Structure formats: C-alpha cells, structure tokens
Amino acid sequence: MSRKRNRRRRPAPSRSNEPDGRDGGPEETREATLFDAAPESSEASASGTSSSVPEALPEPDAPDVAESVSDAGERETGDAGPESGIAGDSDDVEAAEAGAGRAQPEAESAEQPAVERLYREAREQADAGHLSRAIEAYLEVIRREPGHLRARNNLALAFERTGRSEAALEQYRAALERDPENVRLLSNAGALLGSMGRFAEAESELRTAQRLEPDSADVMQNLGLVQYRKGLYPAAAESLRRAAELDPGSASAFYYLGEAANRLGRTDEAVEALERAVELQPENGRAWRTLGILFDRLRDPERAAQMYRKARELGTGA
C-alpha cells in the first residue's frame, strides 16, 4: 500500500572523509547517501507483497547534519547520525601520501603549507554547504599535489553530494591507484558503487576492505546494504548484525538490521533492532513507522498507534 511521504534528506552508506583517517582522521563521510530513493519496503513486507529484490533501500530520515566529521575522527563516521564510518589513525593517510611518489621533496616542502591551507579552506566550504566552492578548492589542491589522498576522498564525497557519481568514482579510483589497500577508500568506493547499482563491483571493493580490516563496522554496514539491495536478506542481516556488534552506538546499523529482519519475517528481531535504532536516533521517522507496522503484525494496536503517532510528529506519513 503506497503512502504519501515527505521527502527529507537521508543519510547514506557509511563513508569516511579521510581515507582511513590517515592524516588527521576522516573528514567527511557519506554515511548515508547510500540508496537514496527508498520505497516502502516495510509496508510491502508487512502486507506480504515484498519482491525478491527491493527497488530501493529504505533510508531513515535524518537531521540536516551528518555529512562531515571532525579531524579528531569519527566517521564518515563516528555516527553523528545513522551511518557513519569509523576513522582510522591520522598517521595512516600521511604514510600513504608520503609514499605516493612525490618526485621533488624539497620543492614540495615549500609548497606544502600553502596546499594544506587550501585544503582546510576546502573543508570549511564543504562544512558550510558551499559545495561548488569546495570542489574548486579540492581540485586546486589535487592540481598542486596529485597524491593528496584526503583531498581526493573529500572531493569524491562532494561530487556524490551534488549527484556526480561518475566523477566521484573517478576520484576514488585515482586515490586507490596510489594506495590500493586503503580501507577507508575501498569502503567509500564500495558504498558509492552500491548506490549506483553496480553490485558486483561494490562487493568486490568491500570484500577487499573486509579482508584488510575484518573488524570495521563501516565496511560491514556497507557490505550489508549491498547485500540487502541484491535481495540477499539472510546475508544482509548477518553483515548488519556484525556491524552493530562492532559499533553498538550506530543507529543506522540497527535500523538497517531491523529492515533486513523485517524482510525475513523475523518480527521479534526486527522490533529489537528498531527499538535500539530509535533509542540512538529518536528523529528517525522511518524506524518509528516500521515499528508501528510490526506492532500491528503482533496484534498490539495500542503500541502500534504510539509508533505511528511518533512517525507523524516527525513528518513521516503513517
């Protein structure tokens, strides 16, 4: 049954602003742009009409924040909202950039402070929502220093936010040529490929990232989202459950786990995961609405009505 919804900005797959946080920690992450146009998968499942492969992944509503992260390092993640990624140590990125084939270290040492100032300005423009200016600044950083992985990663995120997926992918590919085992870059690229419907490539990137860093909540969440999109709900639930175990504070991991469990008809598991999701992110209207559907299924009309009421208060039709 189709229900009218307010279109609100949603989080995306878990993305990290800084490749592996290797130099200053992640700066931007796209946790959530994952699969942007989300159908009413919960309603389909509740009515017994779900298809084998969902047309789009349900995304939680999110506040208009969460696309940037501090140097100290969280996400595209630290979970400033559902979907964030976990940033690595700052040394990792610098190490990658230092080994990226800089031919004239002496000349670069004089240029480096100017490049870093320009890079910081680009981040400030992105944080302020001035994406076209941020893109211009990141491009100038890369022109001056092609091996600046943080700039390439954040430029890719800015391209994603402006709907330029192919341009974003080009930047991830260029960065990965210089550092092919950078988990943050692999995870971000995999998340983007998943949002583009290129599932085989997405899973390849994410499996490589998983092999390199088996305990990355960010990677496991993005892998679970790709599996969900492919209709592989048991595998998706397993990956998302692992992501939630690795990062118990990730609202998005619990939200998507609840959606996968709902698809599998595991009502109790879905309720448990979604209740945790709304505990962590009370403004997630979609999770409240799905909970209403699940309590209807459990023949608890009073609790279902409470969930629907909360969803309506948050602007999510129920």
C-alpha atoms as a PDB file:
ATOM      1  CA  MET A   1       0.000   0.000   0.000  1.00  0.00           C
ATOM      2  CA  SER A   2       1.528   3.268  -1.064  1.00  0.00           C
ATOM      3  CA  ARG A   3       1.693   6.051   1.467  1.00  0.00           C
ATOM      4  CA  LYS A   4       2.493   9.647   0.857  1.00  0.00           C
ATOM      5  CA  ARG A   5       5.765  10.707   2.418  1.00  0.00           C
ATOM      6  CA  ASN A   6       7.577  13.916   2.987  1.00  0.00           C
ATOM      7  CA  ARG A   7      10.878  13.881   1.124  1.00  0.00           C
ATOM      8  CA  ARG A   8      13.630  14.623   3.577  1.00  0.00           C
ATOM      9  CA  ARG A   9      17.352  14.398   3.327  1.00  0.00           C
ATOM     10  CA  ARG A  10      18.514  10.983   4.349  1.00  0.00           C
ATOM     11  CA  PRO A  11      21.782   9.528   5.407  1.00  0.00           C
ATOM     12  CA  ALA A  12      23.768   7.386   3.055  1.00  0.00           C
ATOM     13  CA  PRO A  13      26.069   4.476   3.282  1.00  0.00           C
ATOM     14  CA  SER A  14      28.855   4.788   5.698  1.00  0.00           C
ATOM     15  CA  ARG A  15      31.616   6.865   4.201  1.00  0.00           C
ATOM     16  CA  SER A  16      34.762   8.308   5.606  1.00  0.00           C
ATOM     17  CA  ASN A  17      36.047  11.735   4.829  1.00  0.00           C
ATOM     18  CA  GLU A  18      39.607  10.841   5.148  1.00  0.00           C
ATOM     19  CA  PRO A  19      40.953   7.711   3.594  1.00  0.00           C
ATOM     20  CA  ASP A  20      41.472   5.562   6.576  1.00  0.00           C
ATOM     21  CA  GLY A  21      41.681   8.651   8.531  1.00  0.00           C
ATOM     22  CA  ARG A  22      45.272   8.562   7.768  1.00  0.00           C
ATOM     23  CA  ASP A  23      46.139  12.078   8.370  1.00  0.00           C
ATOM     24  CA  GLY A  24      44.013  13.990  10.585  1.00  0.00           C
ATOM     25  CA  GLY A  25      41.222  11.497  10.725  1.00  0.00           C
ATOM     26  CA  PRO A  26      38.270  11.228   8.451  1.00  0.00           C
ATOM     27  CA  GLU A  27      36.791  14.442   7.434  1.00  0.00           C
ATOM     28  CA  GLU A  28      33.696  13.778   5.616  1.00  0.00           C
ATOM     29  CA  THR A  29      31.658  10.793   5.265  1.00  0.00           C
ATOM     30  CA  ARG A  30      28.746   9.986   3.317  1.00  0.00           C
ATOM     31  CA  GLU A  31      27.049   7.647   5.608  1.00  0.00           C
ATOM     32  CA  ALA A  32      24.123   7.873   4.323  1.00  0.00           C
ATOM     33  CA  THR A  33      23.742   8.575   0.802  1.00  0.00           C
ATOM     34  CA  LEU A  34      23.564   5.045   0.294  1.00  0.00           C
ATOM     35  CA  PHE A  35      20.486   4.187  -1.561  1.00  0.00           C
ATOM     36  CA  ASP A  36      18.659   7.371  -1.928  1.00  0.00           C
ATOM     37  CA  ALA A  37      15.162   6.726  -3.215  1.00  0.00           C
ATOM     38  CA  ALA A  38      13.711   4.332  -0.754  1.00  0.00           C
ATOM     39  CA  PRO A  39      10.436   2.616  -1.280  1.00  0.00           C
ATOM     40  CA  GLU A  40       8.124   1.493   1.435  1.00  0.00           C
ATOM     41  CA  SER A  41       9.860  -1.795   1.952  1.00  0.00           C
ATOM     42  CA  SER A  42       8.478  -2.257   5.431  1.00  0.00           C
ATOM     43  CA  GLU A  43       4.925  -1.880   4.253  1.00  0.00           C
ATOM     44  CA  ALA A  44       5.483  -4.330   1.446  1.00  0.00           C
ATOM     45  CA  SER A  45       6.879  -6.839   3.850  1.00  0.00           C
ATOM     46  CA  ALA A  46       4.067  -6.365   6.307  1.00  0.00           C
ATOM     47  CA  SER A  47       1.471  -6.905   3.639  1.00  0.00           C
ATOM     48  CA  GLY A  48       3.206  -9.967   2.292  1.00  0.00           C
ATOM     49  CA  THR A  49       3.838  -8.424  -1.119  1.00  0.00           C
ATOM     50  CA  SER A  50       7.567  -7.859  -0.937  1.00  0.00           C
ATOM     51  CA  SER A  51       9.500  -8.598  -4.108  1.00  0.00           C
ATOM     52  CA  SER A  52      12.672 -10.618  -4.198  1.00  0.00           C
ATOM     53  CA  VAL A  53      14.783  -7.523  -4.737  1.00  0.00           C
ATOM     54  CA  PRO A  54      13.727  -4.169  -3.330  1.00  0.00           C
ATOM     55  CA  GLU A  55      13.682  -1.314  -5.822  1.00  0.00           C
ATOM     56  CA  ALA A  56      15.470   0.869  -3.340  1.00  0.00           C
ATOM     57  CA  LEU A  57      16.737   0.573   0.152  1.00  0.00           C
ATOM     58  CA  PRO A  58      14.674   2.235   2.845  1.00  0.00           C
ATOM     59  CA  GLU A  59      16.561   5.123   4.336  1.00  0.00           C
ATOM     60  CA  PRO A  60      15.918   6.651   7.729  1.00  0.00           C
ATOM     61  CA  ASP A  61      15.074  10.310   7.940  1.00  0.00           C
ATOM     62  CA  ALA A  62      17.943  12.238   9.363  1.00  0.00           C
ATOM     63  CA  PRO A  63      18.585  15.738  10.552  1.00  0.00           C
ATOM     64  CA  ASP A  64      20.350  18.044   8.142  1.00  0.00           C
ATOM     65  CA  VAL A  65      23.689  17.415   9.666  1.00  0.00           C
ATOM     66  CA  ALA A  66      25.818  14.465   9.430  1.00  0.00           C
ATOM     67  CA  GLU A  67      27.898  14.752   6.395  1.00  0.00           C
ATOM     68  CA  SER A  68      31.058  15.973   7.916  1.00  0.00           C
ATOM     69  CA  VAL A  69      33.357  14.841  10.588  1.00  0.00           C
ATOM     70  CA  SER A  70      35.937  16.394  12.781  1.00  0.00           C
ATOM     71  CA  ASP A  71      39.674  15.944  12.471  1.00  0.00           C
ATOM     72  CA  ALA A  72      39.675  14.045  15.708  1.00  0.00           C
ATOM     73  CA  GLY A  73      37.972  11.486  13.776  1.00  0.00           C
ATOM     74  CA  GLU A  74      34.700   9.974  13.545  1.00  0.00           C
ATOM     75  CA  ARG A  75      33.189   8.630  10.742  1.00  0.00           C
ATOM     76  CA  GLU A  76      32.012   9.430   7.964  1.00  0.00           C
ATOM     77  CA  THR A  77      31.778   8.156  10.938  1.00  0.00           C
ATOM     78  CA  GLY A  78      31.547   8.403  14.267  1.00  0.00           C
ATOM     79  CA  ASP A  79      27.884   8.211  13.989  1.00  0.00           C
ATOM     80  CA  ALA A  80      26.799  11.706  14.085  1.00  0.00           C
ATOM     81  CA  GLY A  81      23.689  10.267  12.675  1.00  0.00           C
ATOM     82  CA  PRO A  82      22.853   6.946  11.272  1.00  0.00           C
ATOM     83  CA  GLU A  83      25.530   5.954   9.035  1.00  0.00           C
ATOM     84  CA  SER A  84      28.839   6.849   9.762  1.00  0.00           C
ATOM     85  CA  GLY A  85      32.084   5.301   9.304  1.00  0.00           C
ATOM     86  CA  ILE A  86      34.891   4.853  11.656  1.00  0.00           C
ATOM     87  CA  ALA A  87      38.027   6.767  11.121  1.00  0.00           C
ATOM     88  CA  GLY A  88      41.429   5.321  11.467  1.00  0.00           C
ATOM     89  CA  ASP A  89      44.588   6.831  12.878  1.00  0.00           C
ATOM     90  CA  SER A  90      45.816  10.022  11.308  1.00  0.00           C
ATOM     91  CA  ASP A  91      49.232   8.540  10.602  1.00  0.00           C
ATOM     92  CA  ASP A  92      47.783   6.170   8.024  1.00  0.00           C
ATOM     93  CA  VAL A  93      46.908   8.835   5.487  1.00  0.00           C
ATOM     94  CA  GLU A  94      50.128  10.706   5.794  1.00  0.00           C
ATOM     95  CA  ALA A  95      52.016   7.488   5.290  1.00  0.00           C
ATOM     96  CA  ALA A  96      50.092   6.796   2.121  1.00  0.00           C
ATOM     97  CA  GLU A  97      50.597  10.289   0.802  1.00  0.00           C
ATOM     98  CA  ALA A  98      54.288  10.263   1.666  1.00  0.00           C
ATOM     99  CA  GLY A  99      54.738   7.138  -0.395  1.00  0.00           C
ATOM    100  CA  ALA A 100      52.662   8.308  -3.327  1.00  0.00           C
ATOM    101  CA  GLY A 101      55.635   9.121  -5.484  1.00  0.00           C
ATOM    102  CA  ARG A 102      56.489  12.749  -4.771  1.00  0.00           C
ATOM    103  CA  ALA A 103      59.359  13.463  -7.108  1.00  0.00           C
ATOM    104  CA  GLN A 104      60.729  16.716  -5.664  1.00  0.00           C
ATOM    105  CA  PRO A 105      60.556  16.674  -1.876  1.00  0.00           C
ATOM    106  CA  GLU A 106      62.497  19.920  -1.456  1.00  0.00           C
ATOM    107  CA  ALA A 107      60.238  21.941  -3.741  1.00  0.00           C
ATOM    108  CA  GLU A 108      57.184  20.379  -2.178  1.00  0.00           C
ATOM    109  CA  SER A 109      58.249  21.241   1.331  1.00  0.00           C
ATOM    110  CA  ALA A 110      57.882  24.935   0.478  1.00  0.00           C
ATOM    111  CA  GLU A 111      54.534  24.377  -1.248  1.00  0.00           C
ATOM    112  CA  GLN A 112      53.115  22.091   1.427  1.00  0.00           C
ATOM    113  CA  PRO A 113      51.859  24.740   3.903  1.00  0.00           C
ATOM    114  CA  ALA A 114      50.012  26.553   1.116  1.00  0.00           C
ATOM    115  CA  VAL A 115      48.442  23.304  -0.078  1.00  0.00           C
ATOM    116  CA  GLU A 116      47.314  22.422   3.419  1.00  0.00           C
ATOM    117  CA  ARG A 117      45.823  25.872   3.935  1.00  0.00           C
ATOM    118  CA  LEU A 118      43.908  25.483   0.693  1.00  0.00           C
ATOM    119  CA  TYR A 119      42.798  22.027   1.776  1.00  0.00           C
ATOM    120  CA  ARG A 120      41.465  23.367   5.080  1.00  0.00           C
ATOM    121  CA  GLU A 121      39.628  26.109   3.230  1.00  0.00           C
ATOM    122  CA  ALA A 122      38.014  23.472   1.012  1.00  0.00           C
ATOM    123  CA  ARG A 123      36.831  21.580   4.071  1.00  0.00           C
ATOM    124  CA  GLU A 124      35.412  24.728   5.594  1.00  0.00           C
ATOM    125  CA  GLN A 125      33.488  25.452   2.395  1.00  0.00           C
ATOM    126  CA  ALA A 126      32.127  21.899   2.367  1.00  0.00           C
ATOM    127  CA  ASP A 127      31.142  22.119   6.029  1.00  0.00           C
ATOM    128  CA  ALA A 128      29.308  25.349   5.296  1.00  0.00           C
ATOM    129  CA  GLY A 129      27.421  23.699   2.436  1.00  0.00           C
ATOM    130  CA  HIS A 130      29.219  25.637  -0.304  1.00  0.00           C
ATOM    131  CA  LEU A 131      29.943  22.557  -2.348  1.00  0.00           C
ATOM    132  CA  SER A 132      30.808  24.233  -5.648  1.00  0.00           C
ATOM    133  CA  ARG A 133      33.478  26.308  -3.908  1.00  0.00           C
ATOM    134  CA  ALA A 134      34.725  23.272  -2.020  1.00  0.00           C
ATOM    135  CA  ILE A 135      35.000  21.307  -5.251  1.00  0.00           C
ATOM    136  CA  GLU A 136      37.022  24.085  -6.896  1.00  0.00           C
ATOM    137  CA  ALA A 137      39.360  24.240  -3.910  1.00  0.00           C
ATOM    138  CA  TYR A 138      39.847  20.468  -3.734  1.00  0.00           C
ATOM    139  CA  LEU A 139      40.583  20.389  -7.464  1.00  0.00           C
ATOM    140  CA  GLU A 140      43.251  23.049  -6.956  1.00  0.00           C
ATOM    141  CA  VAL A 141      44.794  21.032  -4.112  1.00  0.00           C
ATOM    142  CA  ILE A 142      44.963  17.987  -6.370  1.00  0.00           C
ATOM    143  CA  ARG A 143      46.399  20.037  -9.243  1.00  0.00           C
ATOM    144  CA  ARG A 144      49.217  21.133  -6.963  1.00  0.00           C
ATOM    145  CA  GLU A 145      49.614  17.794  -5.228  1.00  0.00           C
ATOM    146  CA  PRO A 146      48.138  14.820  -7.131  1.00  0.00           C
ATOM    147  CA  GLY A 147      48.959  12.447  -4.273  1.00  0.00           C
ATOM    148  CA  HIS A 148      46.817  14.283  -1.710  1.00  0.00           C
ATOM    149  CA  LEU A 149      44.535  11.369  -0.815  1.00  0.00           C
ATOM    150  CA  ARG A 150      42.415  13.271   1.675  1.00  0.00           C
ATOM    151  CA  ALA A 151      41.566  15.864  -0.932  1.00  0.00           C
ATOM    152  CA  ARG A 152      40.645  13.203  -3.479  1.00  0.00           C
ATOM    153  CA  ASN A 153      38.473  11.368  -0.958  1.00  0.00           C
ATOM    154  CA  ASN A 154      36.669  14.523   0.154  1.00  0.00           C
ATOM    155  CA  LEU A 155      36.313  15.718  -3.432  1.00  0.00           C
ATOM    156  CA  ALA A 156      34.624  12.405  -4.232  1.00  0.00           C
ATOM    157  CA  LEU A 157      32.235  12.941  -1.321  1.00  0.00           C
ATOM    158  CA  ALA A 158      31.442  16.444  -2.552  1.00  0.00           C
ATOM    159  CA  PHE A 159      30.772  15.103  -6.040  1.00  0.00           C
ATOM    160  CA  GLU A 160      28.447  12.494  -4.534  1.00  0.00           C
ATOM    161  CA  ARG A 161      26.531  15.154  -2.656  1.00  0.00           C
ATOM    162  CA  THR A 162      25.994  17.033  -5.899  1.00  0.00           C
ATOM    163  CA  GLY A 163      24.835  13.942  -7.791  1.00  0.00           C
ATOM    164  CA  ARG A 164      28.015  13.460  -9.834  1.00  0.00           C
ATOM    165  CA  SER A 165      28.566   9.788  -9.130  1.00  0.00           C
ATOM    166  CA  GLU A 166      30.904   9.052 -12.033  1.00  0.00           C
ATOM    167  CA  ALA A 167      33.136  11.990 -11.115  1.00  0.00           C
ATOM    168  CA  ALA A 168      33.194  10.765  -7.522  1.00  0.00           C
ATOM    169  CA  LEU A 169      34.129   7.258  -8.607  1.00  0.00           C
ATOM    170  CA  GLU A 170      36.946   8.644 -10.748  1.00  0.00           C
ATOM    171  CA  GLN A 171      38.463  10.288  -7.659  1.00  0.00           C
ATOM    172  CA  TYR A 172      38.199   7.138  -5.570  1.00  0.00           C
ATOM    173  CA  ARG A 173      39.852   5.163  -8.374  1.00  0.00           C
ATOM    174  CA  ALA A 174      42.672   7.691  -8.696  1.00  0.00           C
ATOM    175  CA  ALA A 175      43.296   7.586  -4.938  1.00  0.00           C
ATOM    176  CA  LEU A 176      43.210   3.789  -4.865  1.00  0.00           C
ATOM    177  CA  GLU A 177      45.805   3.618  -7.628  1.00  0.00           C
ATOM    178  CA  ARG A 178      48.166   5.278  -5.175  1.00  0.00           C
ATOM    179  CA  ASP A 179      47.037   3.336  -2.124  1.00  0.00           C
ATOM    180  CA  PRO A 180      45.176   0.177  -3.215  1.00  0.00           C
ATOM    181  CA  GLU A 181      44.847  -1.167   0.332  1.00  0.00           C
ATOM    182  CA  ASN A 182      43.326   1.911   1.913  1.00  0.00           C
ATOM    183  CA  VAL A 183      40.309   0.507   3.740  1.00  0.00           C
ATOM    184  CA  ARG A 184      38.514   3.833   4.016  1.00  0.00           C
ATOM    185  CA  LEU A 185      38.788   4.490   0.290  1.00  0.00           C
ATOM    186  CA  LEU A 186      37.711   0.937  -0.544  1.00  0.00           C
ATOM    187  CA  SER A 187      34.700   1.225   1.755  1.00  0.00           C
ATOM    188  CA  ASN A 188      33.662   4.598   0.340  1.00  0.00           C
ATOM    189  CA  ALA A 189      34.072   3.385  -3.225  1.00  0.00           C
ATOM    190  CA  GLY A 190      32.091   0.247  -2.449  1.00  0.00           C
ATOM    191  CA  ALA A 191      29.273   2.268  -0.906  1.00  0.00           C
ATOM    192  CA  LEU A 192      29.137   4.529  -3.950  1.00  0.00           C
ATOM    193  CA  LEU A 193      29.119   1.595  -6.371  1.00  0.00           C
ATOM    194  CA  GLY A 194      26.283   0.055  -4.380  1.00  0.00           C
ATOM    195  CA  SER A 195      24.247   3.250  -4.675  1.00  0.00           C
ATOM    196  CA  MET A 196      24.877   3.136  -8.441  1.00  0.00           C
ATOM    197  CA  GLY A 197      23.514  -0.409  -8.677  1.00  0.00           C
ATOM    198  CA  ARG A 198      26.916  -1.837  -9.597  1.00  0.00           C
ATOM    199  CA  PHE A 199      26.683  -4.562  -7.016  1.00  0.00           C
ATOM    200  CA  ALA A 200      29.412  -6.939  -8.202  1.00  0.00           C
ATOM    201  CA  GLU A 201      31.998  -4.150  -8.208  1.00  0.00           C
ATOM    202  CA  ALA A 202      30.717  -2.856  -4.887  1.00  0.00           C
ATOM    203  CA  GLU A 203      31.004  -6.234  -3.224  1.00  0.00           C
ATOM    204  CA  SER A 204      34.486  -6.740  -4.667  1.00  0.00           C
ATOM    205  CA  GLU A 205      35.729  -3.478  -3.134  1.00  0.00           C
ATOM    206  CA  LEU A 206      34.045  -4.190   0.186  1.00  0.00           C
ATOM    207  CA  ARG A 207      35.322  -7.772   0.380  1.00  0.00           C
ATOM    208  CA  THR A 208      38.838  -6.476  -0.171  1.00  0.00           C
ATOM    209  CA  ALA A 209      38.314  -3.937   2.599  1.00  0.00           C
ATOM    210  CA  GLN A 210      36.912  -6.660   4.852  1.00  0.00           C
ATOM    211  CA  ARG A 211      39.951  -8.856   4.225  1.00  0.00           C
ATOM    212  CA  LEU A 212      42.241  -5.988   5.186  1.00  0.00           C
ATOM    213  CA  GLU A 213      40.219  -4.887   8.213  1.00  0.00           C
ATOM    214  CA  PRO A 214      37.826  -7.641   9.338  1.00  0.00           C
ATOM    215  CA  ASP A 215      36.533  -5.672  12.317  1.00  0.00           C
ATOM    216  CA  SER A 216      35.494  -2.484  10.531  1.00  0.00           C
ATOM    217  CA  ALA A 217      31.884  -1.635  11.392  1.00  0.00           C
ATOM    218  CA  ASP A 218      31.839   0.785   8.471  1.00  0.00           C
ATOM    219  CA  VAL A 219      32.797  -1.905   5.965  1.00  0.00           C
ATOM    220  CA  MET A 220      30.367  -4.458   7.392  1.00  0.00           C
ATOM    221  CA  GLN A 221      27.494  -1.992   7.248  1.00  0.00           C
ATOM    222  CA  ASN A 222      28.180  -1.056   3.634  1.00  0.00           C
ATOM    223  CA  LEU A 223      28.500  -4.726   2.707  1.00  0.00           C
ATOM    224  CA  GLY A 224      25.185  -5.460   4.409  1.00  0.00           C
ATOM    225  CA  LEU A 225      23.491  -2.661   2.500  1.00  0.00           C
ATOM    226  CA  VAL A 226      24.744  -4.001  -0.822  1.00  0.00           C
ATOM    227  CA  GLN A 227      23.501  -7.476   0.095  1.00  0.00           C
ATOM    228  CA  TYR A 228      20.137  -6.009   1.066  1.00  0.00           C
ATOM    229  CA  ARG A 229      19.855  -4.298  -2.284  1.00  0.00           C
ATOM    230  CA  LYS A 230      20.592  -7.589  -4.021  1.00  0.00           C
ATOM    231  CA  GLY A 231      17.757  -9.222  -2.094  1.00  0.00           C
ATOM    232  CA  LEU A 232      20.165 -11.385  -0.071  1.00  0.00           C
ATOM    233  CA  TYR A 233      18.386 -10.717   3.197  1.00  0.00           C
ATOM    234  CA  PRO A 234      19.937 -13.515   5.318  1.00  0.00           C
ATOM    235  CA  ALA A 235      23.459 -12.394   4.330  1.00  0.00           C
ATOM    236  CA  ALA A 236      22.492  -8.745   4.813  1.00  0.00           C
ATOM    237  CA  ALA A 237      21.152  -9.434   8.293  1.00  0.00           C
ATOM    238  CA  GLU A 238      24.350 -11.275   9.221  1.00  0.00           C
ATOM    239  CA  SER A 239      26.586  -8.446   8.000  1.00  0.00           C
ATOM    240  CA  LEU A 240      24.463  -5.751   9.640  1.00  0.00           C
ATOM    241  CA  ARG A 241      24.292  -7.681  12.901  1.00  0.00           C
ATOM    242  CA  ARG A 242      28.085  -7.810  12.877  1.00  0.00           C
ATOM    243  CA  ALA A 243      28.258  -4.079  12.147  1.00  0.00           C
ATOM    244  CA  ALA A 244      26.000  -3.387  15.117  1.00  0.00           C
ATOM    245  CA  GLU A 245      28.145  -5.604  17.344  1.00  0.00           C
ATOM    246  CA  LEU A 246      31.271  -3.745  16.272  1.00  0.00           C
ATOM    247  CA  ASP A 247      29.666  -0.343  16.758  1.00  0.00           C
ATOM    248  CA  PRO A 248      26.825  -0.573  19.299  1.00  0.00           C
ATOM    249  CA  GLY A 249      26.278   3.164  19.001  1.00  0.00           C
ATOM    250  CA  SER A 250      25.473   3.084  15.272  1.00  0.00           C
ATOM    251  CA  ALA A 251      21.825   3.971  14.800  1.00  0.00           C
ATOM    252  CA  SER A 252      21.989   3.203  11.101  1.00  0.00           C
ATOM    253  CA  ALA A 253      23.371  -0.313  11.618  1.00  0.00           C
ATOM    254  CA  PHE A 254      20.449  -1.167  13.901  1.00  0.00           C
ATOM    255  CA  TYR A 255      17.953   0.498  11.563  1.00  0.00           C
ATOM    256  CA  TYR A 256      19.043  -1.474   8.518  1.00  0.00           C
ATOM    257  CA  LEU A 257      19.326  -4.664  10.571  1.00  0.00           C
ATOM    258  CA  GLY A 258      15.712  -4.144  11.587  1.00  0.00           C
ATOM    259  CA  GLU A 259      14.673  -3.679   7.965  1.00  0.00           C
ATOM    260  CA  ALA A 260      16.510  -6.852   6.904  1.00  0.00           C
ATOM    261  CA  ALA A 261      14.978  -8.852   9.762  1.00  0.00           C
ATOM    262  CA  ASN A 262      11.559  -7.498   8.778  1.00  0.00           C
ATOM    263  CA  ARG A 263      12.085  -8.753   5.237  1.00  0.00           C
ATOM    264  CA  LEU A 264      12.877 -12.176   6.640  1.00  0.00           C
ATOM    265  CA  GLY A 265       9.746 -12.217   8.789  1.00  0.00           C
ATOM    266  CA  ARG A 266      11.817 -12.179  11.986  1.00  0.00           C
ATOM    267  CA  THR A 267       9.457  -9.823  13.749  1.00  0.00           C
ATOM    268  CA  ASP A 268      10.923 -10.015  17.252  1.00  0.00           C
ATOM    269  CA  GLU A 269      14.455  -9.419  15.977  1.00  0.00           C
ATOM    270  CA  ALA A 270      13.245  -6.542  13.823  1.00  0.00           C
ATOM    271  CA  VAL A 271      11.469  -4.906  16.773  1.00  0.00           C
ATOM    272  CA  GLU A 272      14.528  -5.266  18.990  1.00  0.00           C
ATOM    273  CA  ALA A 273      16.844  -3.721  16.384  1.00  0.00           C
ATOM    274  CA  LEU A 274      14.494  -0.863  15.516  1.00  0.00           C
ATOM    275  CA  GLU A 275      13.825  -0.018  19.153  1.00  0.00           C
ATOM    276  CA  ARG A 276      17.572   0.308  19.597  1.00  0.00           C
ATOM    277  CA  ALA A 277      17.731   2.454  16.453  1.00  0.00           C
ATOM    278  CA  VAL A 278      15.158   4.950  17.727  1.00  0.00           C
ATOM    279  CA  GLU A 279      16.815   4.973  21.130  1.00  0.00           C
ATOM    280  CA  LEU A 280      20.027   6.094  19.426  1.00  0.00           C
ATOM    281  CA  GLN A 281      18.336   8.332  16.870  1.00  0.00           C
ATOM    282  CA  PRO A 282      14.868   9.396  18.065  1.00  0.00           C
ATOM    283  CA  GLU A 283      14.319  11.568  14.982  1.00  0.00           C
ATOM    284  CA  ASN A 284      14.340   8.561  12.636  1.00  0.00           C
ATOM    285  CA  GLY A 285      10.719   8.702  11.478  1.00  0.00           C
ATOM    286  CA  ARG A 286      11.002   5.689   9.212  1.00  0.00           C
ATOM    287  CA  ALA A 287      12.091   3.455  12.076  1.00  0.00           C
ATOM    288  CA  TRP A 288       9.093   4.592  14.155  1.00  0.00           C
ATOM    289  CA  ARG A 289       6.768   3.877  11.251  1.00  0.00           C
ATOM    290  CA  THR A 290       8.200   0.405  10.681  1.00  0.00           C
ATOM    291  CA  LEU A 291       7.790  -0.301  14.377  1.00  0.00           C
ATOM    292  CA  GLY A 292       4.118   0.628  14.012  1.00  0.00           C
ATOM    293  CA  ILE A 293       3.740  -1.899  11.205  1.00  0.00           C
ATOM    294  CA  LEU A 294       5.488  -4.569  13.253  1.00  0.00           C
ATOM    295  CA  PHE A 295       3.316  -3.997  16.313  1.00  0.00           C
ATOM    296  CA  ASP A 296       0.275  -4.208  14.056  1.00  0.00           C
ATOM    297  CA  ARG A 297       1.584  -7.570  12.960  1.00  0.00           C
ATOM    298  CA  LEU A 298       1.998  -8.567  16.609  1.00  0.00           C
ATOM    299  CA  ARG A 299      -1.619  -7.535  17.243  1.00  0.00           C
ATOM    300  CA  ASP A 300      -0.676  -4.774  19.649  1.00  0.00           C
ATOM    301  CA  PRO A 301      -2.789  -1.871  18.320  1.00  0.00           C
ATOM    302  CA  GLU A 302      -2.056   0.422  21.253  1.00  0.00           C
ATOM    303  CA  ARG A 303       1.713   0.306  20.777  1.00  0.00           C
ATOM    304  CA  ALA A 304       1.319   0.431  17.010  1.00  0.00           C
ATOM    305  CA  ALA A 305      -0.710   3.633  17.377  1.00  0.00           C
ATOM    306  CA  GLN A 306       2.035   5.146  19.542  1.00  0.00           C
ATOM    307  CA  MET A 307       4.657   4.348  16.900  1.00  0.00           C
ATOM    308  CA  TYR A 308       2.563   5.784  14.060  1.00  0.00           C
ATOM    309  CA  ARG A 309       1.890   8.918  16.088  1.00  0.00           C
ATOM    310  CA  LYS A 310       5.601   9.447  16.657  1.00  0.00           C
ATOM    311  CA  ALA A 311       6.296   8.906  12.947  1.00  0.00           C
ATOM    312  CA  ARG A 312       3.695  11.539  12.018  1.00  0.00           C
ATOM    313  CA  GLU A 313       5.165  14.013  14.503  1.00  0.00           C
ATOM    314  CA  LEU A 314       8.475  13.598  12.688  1.00  0.00           C
ATOM    315  CA  GLY A 315       6.882  14.197   9.290  1.00  0.00           C
ATOM    316  CA  THR A 316       6.862  10.582   8.153  1.00  0.00           C
ATOM    317  CA  GLY A 317       3.397   9.537   6.966  1.00  0.00           C
ATOM    318  CA  ALA A 318       1.896   6.512   8.601  1.00  0.00           C
END
